[in-house]
PDB file of N, CA and C in Angstrom:
ATOM      1  N   UNK A   1      20.563 -63.460  42.886  1.00  0.00           N
ATOM      2  CA  UNK A   1      21.845 -63.562  42.750  1.00  0.00           C
ATOM      3  C   UNK A   1      22.208 -64.679  43.774  1.00  0.00           C
ATOM      4  N   UNK A   2      22.912 -65.862  43.281  1.00  0.00           N
ATOM      5  CA  UNK A   2      23.422 -66.665  44.042  1.00  0.00           C
ATOM      6  C   UNK A   2      25.026 -66.350  44.167  1.00  0.00           C
ATOM      7  N   UNK A   3      25.568 -66.450  45.237  1.00  0.00           N
ATOM      8  CA  UNK A   3      27.070 -66.035  45.400  1.00  0.00           C
ATOM      9  C   UNK A   3      27.804 -67.453  45.505  1.00  0.00           C
ATOM     10  N   UNK A   4      28.781 -67.830  44.820  1.00  0.00           N
ATOM     11  CA  UNK A   4      29.317 -69.045  45.231  1.00  0.00           C
ATOM     12  C   UNK A   4      30.823 -68.602  45.300  1.00  0.00           C
ATOM     13  N   UNK A   5      31.744 -69.635  45.887  1.00  0.00           N
ATOM     14  CA  UNK A   5      32.989 -69.431  45.643  1.00  0.00           C
ATOM     15  C   UNK A   5      33.654 -69.837  44.456  1.00  0.00           C
ATOM     16  N   UNK A   6      34.544 -69.164  44.083  1.00  0.00           N
ATOM     17  CA  UNK A   6      35.227 -69.686  42.571  1.00  0.00           C
ATOM     18  C   UNK A   6      35.739 -70.886  42.744  1.00  0.00           C
ATOM     19  N   UNK A   7      36.263 -71.579  43.835  1.00  0.00           N
ATOM     20  CA  UNK A   7      36.461 -72.979  43.755  1.00  0.00           C
ATOM     21  C   UNK A   7      35.344 -73.852  43.526  1.00  0.00           C
ATOM     22  N   UNK A   8      33.856 -73.561  43.770  1.00  0.00           N
ATOM     23  CA  UNK A   8      32.865 -74.344  43.678  1.00  0.00           C
ATOM     24  C   UNK A   8      32.333 -74.459  42.027  1.00  0.00           C
ATOM     25  N   UNK A   9      33.142 -73.632  41.218  1.00  0.00           N
ATOM     26  CA  UNK A   9      32.664 -73.634  39.711  1.00  0.00           C
ATOM     27  C   UNK A   9      33.459 -74.969  38.941  1.00  0.00           C
ATOM     28  N   UNK A  10      32.825 -75.643  38.005  1.00  0.00           N
ATOM     29  CA  UNK A  10      33.141 -76.689  37.432  1.00  0.00           C
ATOM     30  C   UNK A  10      34.127 -76.376  36.014  1.00  0.00           C
ATOM     31  N   UNK A  11      34.739 -77.066  35.382  1.00  0.00           N
ATOM     32  CA  UNK A  11      35.298 -77.214  34.367  1.00  0.00           C
ATOM     33  C   UNK A  11      34.360 -76.676  33.335  1.00  0.00           C
ATOM     34  N   UNK A  12      34.544 -75.675  32.565  1.00  0.00           N
ATOM     35  CA  UNK A  12      33.698 -74.871  31.407  1.00  0.00           C
ATOM     36  C   UNK A  12      32.869 -74.008  31.947  1.00  0.00           C
ATOM     37  N   UNK A  13      32.502 -73.836  33.096  1.00  0.00           N
ATOM     38  CA  UNK A  13      31.559 -72.639  33.799  1.00  0.00           C
ATOM     39  C   UNK A  13      32.246 -71.319  33.786  1.00  0.00           C
ATOM     40  N   UNK A  14      31.514 -70.199  33.846  1.00  0.00           N
ATOM     41  CA  UNK A  14      32.141 -69.153  34.005  1.00  0.00           C
ATOM     42  C   UNK A  14      31.351 -68.201  35.098  1.00  0.00           C
ATOM     43  N   UNK A  15      32.052 -67.734  35.904  1.00  0.00           N
ATOM     44  CA  UNK A  15      31.444 -66.674  37.052  1.00  0.00           C
ATOM     45  C   UNK A  15      32.045 -65.195  36.915  1.00  0.00           C
ATOM     46  N   UNK A  16      31.167 -64.233  37.507  1.00  0.00           N
ATOM     47  CA  UNK A  16      31.574 -62.747  37.187  1.00  0.00           C
ATOM     48  C   UNK A  16      31.873 -62.624  38.793  1.00  0.00           C
ATOM     49  N   UNK A  17      33.008 -61.707  39.010  1.00  0.00           N
ATOM     50  CA  UNK A  17      33.639 -61.587  40.377  1.00  0.00           C
ATOM     51  C   UNK A  17      32.777 -60.624  41.073  1.00  0.00           C
ATOM     52  N   UNK A  18      32.162 -61.176  42.502  1.00  0.00           N
ATOM     53  CA  UNK A  18      31.680 -60.073  43.178  1.00  0.00           C
ATOM     54  C   UNK A  18      32.724 -59.663  44.403  1.00  0.00           C
ATOM     55  N   UNK A  19      33.462 -60.118  44.854  1.00  0.00           N
ATOM     56  CA  UNK A  19      34.374 -60.007  46.252  1.00  0.00           C
ATOM     57  C   UNK A  19      35.323 -60.630  46.165  1.00  0.00           C
ATOM     58  N   UNK A  20      36.259 -60.152  46.612  1.00  0.00           N
ATOM     59  CA  UNK A  20      37.552 -60.890  46.969  1.00  0.00           C
ATOM     60  C   UNK A  20      37.965 -60.824  48.237  1.00  0.00           C
ATOM     61  N   UNK A  21      37.780 -61.926  49.506  1.00  0.00           N
ATOM     62  CA  UNK A  21      37.843 -61.783  50.503  1.00  0.00           C
ATOM     63  C   UNK A  21      39.161 -61.878  51.144  1.00  0.00           C
ATOM     64  N   UNK A  22      39.610 -61.514  52.355  1.00  0.00           N
ATOM     65  CA  UNK A  22      40.798 -61.302  52.595  1.00  0.00           C
ATOM     66  C   UNK A  22      41.675 -59.713  52.584  1.00  0.00           C
ATOM     67  N   UNK A  23      42.825 -59.653  52.798  1.00  0.00           N
ATOM     68  CA  UNK A  23      43.247 -58.243  52.423  1.00  0.00           C
ATOM     69  C   UNK A  23      44.910 -58.148  52.230  1.00  0.00           C
ATOM     70  N   UNK A  24      45.563 -57.635  52.265  1.00  0.00           N
ATOM     71  CA  UNK A  24      47.373 -57.386  52.186  1.00  0.00           C
ATOM     72  C   UNK A  24      47.659 -57.861  50.610  1.00  0.00           C
ATOM     73  N   UNK A  25      48.748 -58.551  50.853  1.00  0.00           N
ATOM     74  CA  UNK A  25      49.902 -58.894  50.005  1.00  0.00           C
ATOM     75  C   UNK A  25      48.924 -59.846  48.757  1.00  0.00           C
ATOM     76  N   UNK A  26      48.359 -60.745  49.612  1.00  0.00           N
ATOM     77  CA  UNK A  26      47.519 -61.649  48.641  1.00  0.00           C
ATOM     78  C   UNK A  26      46.346 -61.092  47.789  1.00  0.00           C
ATOM     79  N   UNK A  27      45.561 -60.263  48.532  1.00  0.00           N
ATOM     80  CA  UNK A  27      44.483 -59.793  47.514  1.00  0.00           C
ATOM     81  C   UNK A  27      45.005 -58.807  46.678  1.00  0.00           C
ATOM     82  N   UNK A  28      46.032 -57.836  47.126  1.00  0.00           N
ATOM     83  CA  UNK A  28      46.583 -57.148  45.946  1.00  0.00           C
ATOM     84  C   UNK A  28      47.205 -57.785  45.059  1.00  0.00           C
ATOM     85  N   UNK A  29      47.876 -59.023  44.874  1.00  0.00           N
ATOM     86  CA  UNK A  29      48.370 -59.628  43.917  1.00  0.00           C
ATOM     87  C   UNK A  29      47.229 -60.280  43.056  1.00  0.00           C
ATOM     88  N   UNK A  30      46.118 -60.885  43.731  1.00  0.00           N
ATOM     89  CA  UNK A  30      44.734 -61.355  42.759  1.00  0.00           C
ATOM     90  C   UNK A  30      44.317 -60.165  42.045  1.00  0.00           C
ATOM     91  N   UNK A  31      44.400 -58.837  42.400  1.00  0.00           N
ATOM     92  CA  UNK A  31      43.679 -57.662  41.767  1.00  0.00           C
ATOM     93  C   UNK A  31      44.633 -57.429  40.668  1.00  0.00           C
ATOM     94  N   UNK A  32      45.833 -57.160  40.867  1.00  0.00           N
ATOM     95  CA  UNK A  32      46.863 -56.939  39.927  1.00  0.00           C
ATOM     96  C   UNK A  32      46.455 -58.139  38.588  1.00  0.00           C
ATOM     97  N   UNK A  33      46.413 -59.120  39.013  1.00  0.00           N
ATOM     98  CA  UNK A  33      46.132 -60.355  37.930  1.00  0.00           C
ATOM     99  C   UNK A  33      44.685 -60.258  37.077  1.00  0.00           C
ATOM    100  N   UNK A  34      43.650 -59.155  37.567  1.00  0.00           N
ATOM    101  CA  UNK A  34      42.738 -58.985  36.903  1.00  0.00           C
ATOM    102  C   UNK A  34      41.680 -59.585  37.505  1.00  0.00           C
ATOM    103  N   UNK A  35      41.854 -59.897  38.825  1.00  0.00           N
ATOM    104  CA  UNK A  35      40.588 -60.588  39.518  1.00  0.00           C
ATOM    105  C   UNK A  35      40.117 -59.343  40.413  1.00  0.00           C
ATOM    106  N   UNK A  36      39.296 -58.654  39.792  1.00  0.00           N
ATOM    107  CA  UNK A  36      38.509 -57.618  40.203  1.00  0.00           C
ATOM    108  C   UNK A  36      36.697 -57.739  40.289  1.00  0.00           C
ATOM    109  N   UNK A  37      36.412 -56.832  40.854  1.00  0.00           N
ATOM    110  CA  UNK A  37      34.654 -57.109  41.005  1.00  0.00           C
ATOM    111  C   UNK A  37      34.467 -56.909  39.496  1.00  0.00           C
ATOM    112  N   UNK A  38      33.543 -57.665  38.966  1.00  0.00           N
ATOM    113  CA  UNK A  38      32.935 -57.479  37.593  1.00  0.00           C
ATOM    114  C   UNK A  38      33.504 -58.257  36.379  1.00  0.00           C
ATOM    115  N   UNK A  39      34.600 -58.478  36.801  1.00  0.00           N
ATOM    116  CA  UNK A  39      35.475 -59.261  35.902  1.00  0.00           C
ATOM    117  C   UNK A  39      34.990 -60.507  35.717  1.00  0.00           C
ATOM    118  N   UNK A  40      35.052 -61.508  34.552  1.00  0.00           N
ATOM    119  CA  UNK A  40      34.539 -62.834  34.435  1.00  0.00           C
ATOM    120  C   UNK A  40      35.643 -63.913  34.215  1.00  0.00           C
ATOM    121  N   UNK A  41      35.487 -64.829  35.022  1.00  0.00           N
ATOM    122  CA  UNK A  41      36.539 -65.910  35.019  1.00  0.00           C
ATOM    123  C   UNK A  41      35.974 -67.264  34.511  1.00  0.00           C
ATOM    124  N   UNK A  42      36.451 -67.941  33.681  1.00  0.00           N
ATOM    125  CA  UNK A  42      36.446 -69.012  33.230  1.00  0.00           C
ATOM    126  C   UNK A  42      37.141 -70.533  33.662  1.00  0.00           C
ATOM    127  N   UNK A  43      36.505 -71.302  34.164  1.00  0.00           N
ATOM    128  CA  UNK A  43      37.128 -72.693  34.754  1.00  0.00           C
ATOM    129  C   UNK A  43      37.939 -73.296  33.404  1.00  0.00           C
ATOM    130  N   UNK A  44      39.084 -73.645  33.303  1.00  0.00           N
ATOM    131  CA  UNK A  44      39.265 -74.444  32.242  1.00  0.00           C
ATOM    132  C   UNK A  44      39.620 -75.842  32.290  1.00  0.00           C
ATOM    133  N   UNK A  45      40.478 -75.925  33.514  1.00  0.00           N
ATOM    134  CA  UNK A  45      40.721 -77.507  33.775  1.00  0.00           C
ATOM    135  C   UNK A  45      41.431 -77.393  35.113  1.00  0.00           C
ATOM    136  N   UNK A  46      40.947 -78.700  35.711  1.00  0.00           N
ATOM    137  CA  UNK A  46      41.706 -78.934  36.940  1.00  0.00           C
ATOM    138  C   UNK A  46      42.947 -80.041  36.636  1.00  0.00           C
ATOM    139  N   UNK A  47      43.674 -79.857  37.364  1.00  0.00           N
ATOM    140  CA  UNK A  47      45.017 -80.737  37.609  1.00  0.00           C
ATOM    141  C   UNK A  47      44.832 -81.929  37.721  1.00  0.00           C
ATOM    142  N   UNK A  48      45.755 -83.143  37.415  1.00  0.00           N
ATOM    143  CA  UNK A  48      45.456 -84.325  37.759  1.00  0.00           C
ATOM    144  C   UNK A  48      44.921 -84.748  39.171  1.00  0.00           C
ATOM    145  N   UNK A  49      45.618 -84.204  40.177  1.00  0.00           N
ATOM    146  CA  UNK A  49      45.363 -84.286  41.529  1.00  0.00           C
ATOM    147  C   UNK A  49      43.956 -82.973  41.994  1.00  0.00           C
ATOM    148  N   UNK A  50      43.580 -82.701  41.098  1.00  0.00           N
ATOM    149  CA  UNK A  50      42.500 -81.589  41.378  1.00  0.00           C
ATOM    150  C   UNK A  50      42.795 -80.253  41.912  1.00  0.00           C
ATOM    151  N   UNK A  51      44.502 -80.034  42.315  1.00  0.00           N
ATOM    152  CA  UNK A  51      44.920 -78.746  42.553  1.00  0.00           C
ATOM    153  C   UNK A  51      46.249 -78.144  42.172  1.00  0.00           C
ATOM    154  N   UNK A  52      46.498 -77.398  41.650  1.00  0.00           N
ATOM    155  CA  UNK A  52      45.738 -76.293  41.057  1.00  0.00           C
ATOM    156  C   UNK A  52      44.559 -76.342  40.276  1.00  0.00           C
ATOM    157  N   UNK A  53      43.840 -75.253  40.086  1.00  0.00           N
ATOM    158  CA  UNK A  53      42.792 -75.209  38.967  1.00  0.00           C
ATOM    159  C   UNK A  53      43.438 -74.139  37.823  1.00  0.00           C
ATOM    160  N   UNK A  54      43.303 -74.339  36.755  1.00  0.00           N
ATOM    161  CA  UNK A  54      43.694 -73.419  35.469  1.00  0.00           C
ATOM    162  C   UNK A  54      42.247 -72.496  35.109  1.00  0.00           C
ATOM    163  N   UNK A  55      42.597 -71.162  35.454  1.00  0.00           N
ATOM    164  CA  UNK A  55      41.382 -70.081  35.004  1.00  0.00           C
ATOM    165  C   UNK A  55      41.840 -69.343  33.960  1.00  0.00           C
ATOM    166  N   UNK A  56      40.664 -68.951  33.177  1.00  0.00           N
ATOM    167  CA  UNK A  56      40.987 -67.803  32.241  1.00  0.00           C
ATOM    168  C   UNK A  56      40.336 -66.483  32.742  1.00  0.00           C
ATOM    169  N   UNK A  57      40.842 -65.484  32.582  1.00  0.00           N
ATOM    170  CA  UNK A  57      40.398 -64.324  33.098  1.00  0.00           C
ATOM    171  C   UNK A  57      41.293 -63.185  31.906  1.00  0.00           C
ATOM    172  N   UNK A  58      40.158 -62.143  31.811  1.00  0.00           N
ATOM    173  CA  UNK A  58      40.778 -61.099  30.779  1.00  0.00           C
ATOM    174  C   UNK A  58      41.704 -61.591  29.681  1.00  0.00           C
ATOM    175  N   UNK A  59      41.580 -62.751  29.061  1.00  0.00           N
ATOM    176  CA  UNK A  59      42.175 -63.102  27.857  1.00  0.00           C
ATOM    177  C   UNK A  59      43.680 -63.855  28.182  1.00  0.00           C
ATOM    178  N   UNK A  60      43.788 -64.493  29.431  1.00  0.00           N
ATOM    179  CA  UNK A  60      45.299 -65.079  29.773  1.00  0.00           C
ATOM    180  C   UNK A  60      44.409 -65.931  30.803  1.00  0.00           C
ATOM    181  N   UNK A  61      45.719 -67.025  31.039  1.00  0.00           N
ATOM    182  CA  UNK A  61      45.416 -68.334  32.083  1.00  0.00           C
ATOM    183  C   UNK A  61      46.180 -68.059  33.166  1.00  0.00           C
ATOM    184  N   UNK A  62      45.665 -68.384  34.182  1.00  0.00           N
ATOM    185  CA  UNK A  62      46.302 -68.360  35.424  1.00  0.00           C
ATOM    186  C   UNK A  62      45.640 -69.515  36.375  1.00  0.00           C
ATOM    187  N   UNK A  63      46.638 -70.170  36.994  1.00  0.00           N
ATOM    188  CA  UNK A  63      46.536 -71.188  38.081  1.00  0.00           C
ATOM    189  C   UNK A  63      46.276 -70.804  39.329  1.00  0.00           C
ATOM    190  N   UNK A  64      45.104 -71.133  40.241  1.00  0.00           N
ATOM    191  CA  UNK A  64      44.923 -70.827  41.577  1.00  0.00           C
ATOM    192  C   UNK A  64      44.988 -72.233  42.341  1.00  0.00           C
ATOM    193  N   UNK A  65      45.393 -72.155  43.590  1.00  0.00           N
ATOM    194  CA  UNK A  65      44.965 -73.272  44.462  1.00  0.00           C
ATOM    195  C   UNK A  65      43.834 -73.200  44.861  1.00  0.00           C
ATOM    196  N   UNK A  66      42.811 -74.368  45.144  1.00  0.00           N
ATOM    197  CA  UNK A  66      41.567 -74.222  45.947  1.00  0.00           C
ATOM    198  C   UNK A  66      41.389 -73.294  47.321  1.00  0.00           C
ATOM    199  N   UNK A  67      42.730 -73.091  48.261  1.00  0.00           N
ATOM    200  CA  UNK A  67      42.408 -72.237  49.233  1.00  0.00           C
ATOM    201  C   UNK A  67      42.240 -70.664  48.691  1.00  0.00           C
ATOM    202  N   UNK A  68      42.965 -70.591  47.670  1.00  0.00           N
ATOM    203  CA  UNK A  68      43.067 -69.281  46.891  1.00  0.00           C
ATOM    204  C   UNK A  68      41.894 -69.188  46.307  1.00  0.00           C
ATOM    205  N   UNK A  69      41.083 -69.937  45.615  1.00  0.00           N
ATOM    206  CA  UNK A  69      40.052 -69.825  44.976  1.00  0.00           C
ATOM    207  C   UNK A  69      38.870 -69.525  45.926  1.00  0.00           C
ATOM    208  N   UNK A  70      38.860 -70.161  47.124  1.00  0.00           N
ATOM    209  CA  UNK A  70      37.993 -70.155  48.090  1.00  0.00           C
ATOM    210  C   UNK A  70      37.846 -68.913  48.458  1.00  0.00           C
ATOM    211  N   UNK A  71      38.843 -67.806  48.401  1.00  0.00           N
ATOM    212  CA  UNK A  71      38.606 -66.432  48.885  1.00  0.00           C
ATOM    213  C   UNK A  71      38.009 -65.507  47.463  1.00  0.00           C
ATOM    214  N   UNK A  72      37.322 -66.196  46.838  1.00  0.00           N
ATOM    215  CA  UNK A  72      36.866 -65.115  45.621  1.00  0.00           C
ATOM    216  C   UNK A  72      35.649 -65.536  45.393  1.00  0.00           C
ATOM    217  N   UNK A  73      34.700 -64.459  45.680  1.00  0.00           N
ATOM    218  CA  UNK A  73      33.242 -64.746  45.526  1.00  0.00           C
ATOM    219  C   UNK A  73      32.807 -64.651  44.165  1.00  0.00           C
ATOM    220  N   UNK A  74      32.036 -65.378  43.510  1.00  0.00           N
ATOM    221  CA  UNK A  74      31.437 -65.274  42.057  1.00  0.00           C
ATOM    222  C   UNK A  74      29.926 -65.232  42.006  1.00  0.00           C
ATOM    223  N   UNK A  75      29.362 -64.743  40.924  1.00  0.00           N
ATOM    224  CA  UNK A  75      28.122 -65.261  40.642  1.00  0.00           C
ATOM    225  C   UNK A  75      28.319 -65.933  39.222  1.00  0.00           C
ATOM    226  N   UNK A  76      27.362 -67.145  39.187  1.00  0.00           N
ATOM    227  CA  UNK A  76      27.445 -67.798  38.062  1.00  0.00           C
ATOM    228  C   UNK A  76      26.794 -67.042  37.077  1.00  0.00           C
ATOM    229  N   UNK A  77      27.597 -66.918  35.544  1.00  0.00           N
ATOM    230  CA  UNK A  77      27.116 -66.647  34.466  1.00  0.00           C
ATOM    231  C   UNK A  77      26.834 -67.792  33.621  1.00  0.00           C
ATOM    232  N   UNK A  78      25.615 -67.712  32.933  1.00  0.00           N
ATOM    233  CA  UNK A  78      24.796 -68.907  32.080  1.00  0.00           C
ATOM    234  C   UNK A  78      25.324 -68.206  30.361  1.00  0.00           C
TER     235      UNK A  78
END
């Protein structure tokens, strides 16, 4: 299993969440949005200036900045 940061995935790629780094309100907010270990997240598109990035998780779309996505570790799903 190769573990990447969520920000390393490209448009159209899907990853399965392995771990969320960090703690406190940020981590709790991500988990409330569905970013929990085992959930699959797909990269939908990058903004024109590459930040933020739109992701699809559990049937809805959410945008995260690169610094936020860097704290989410995923394994690539083929």
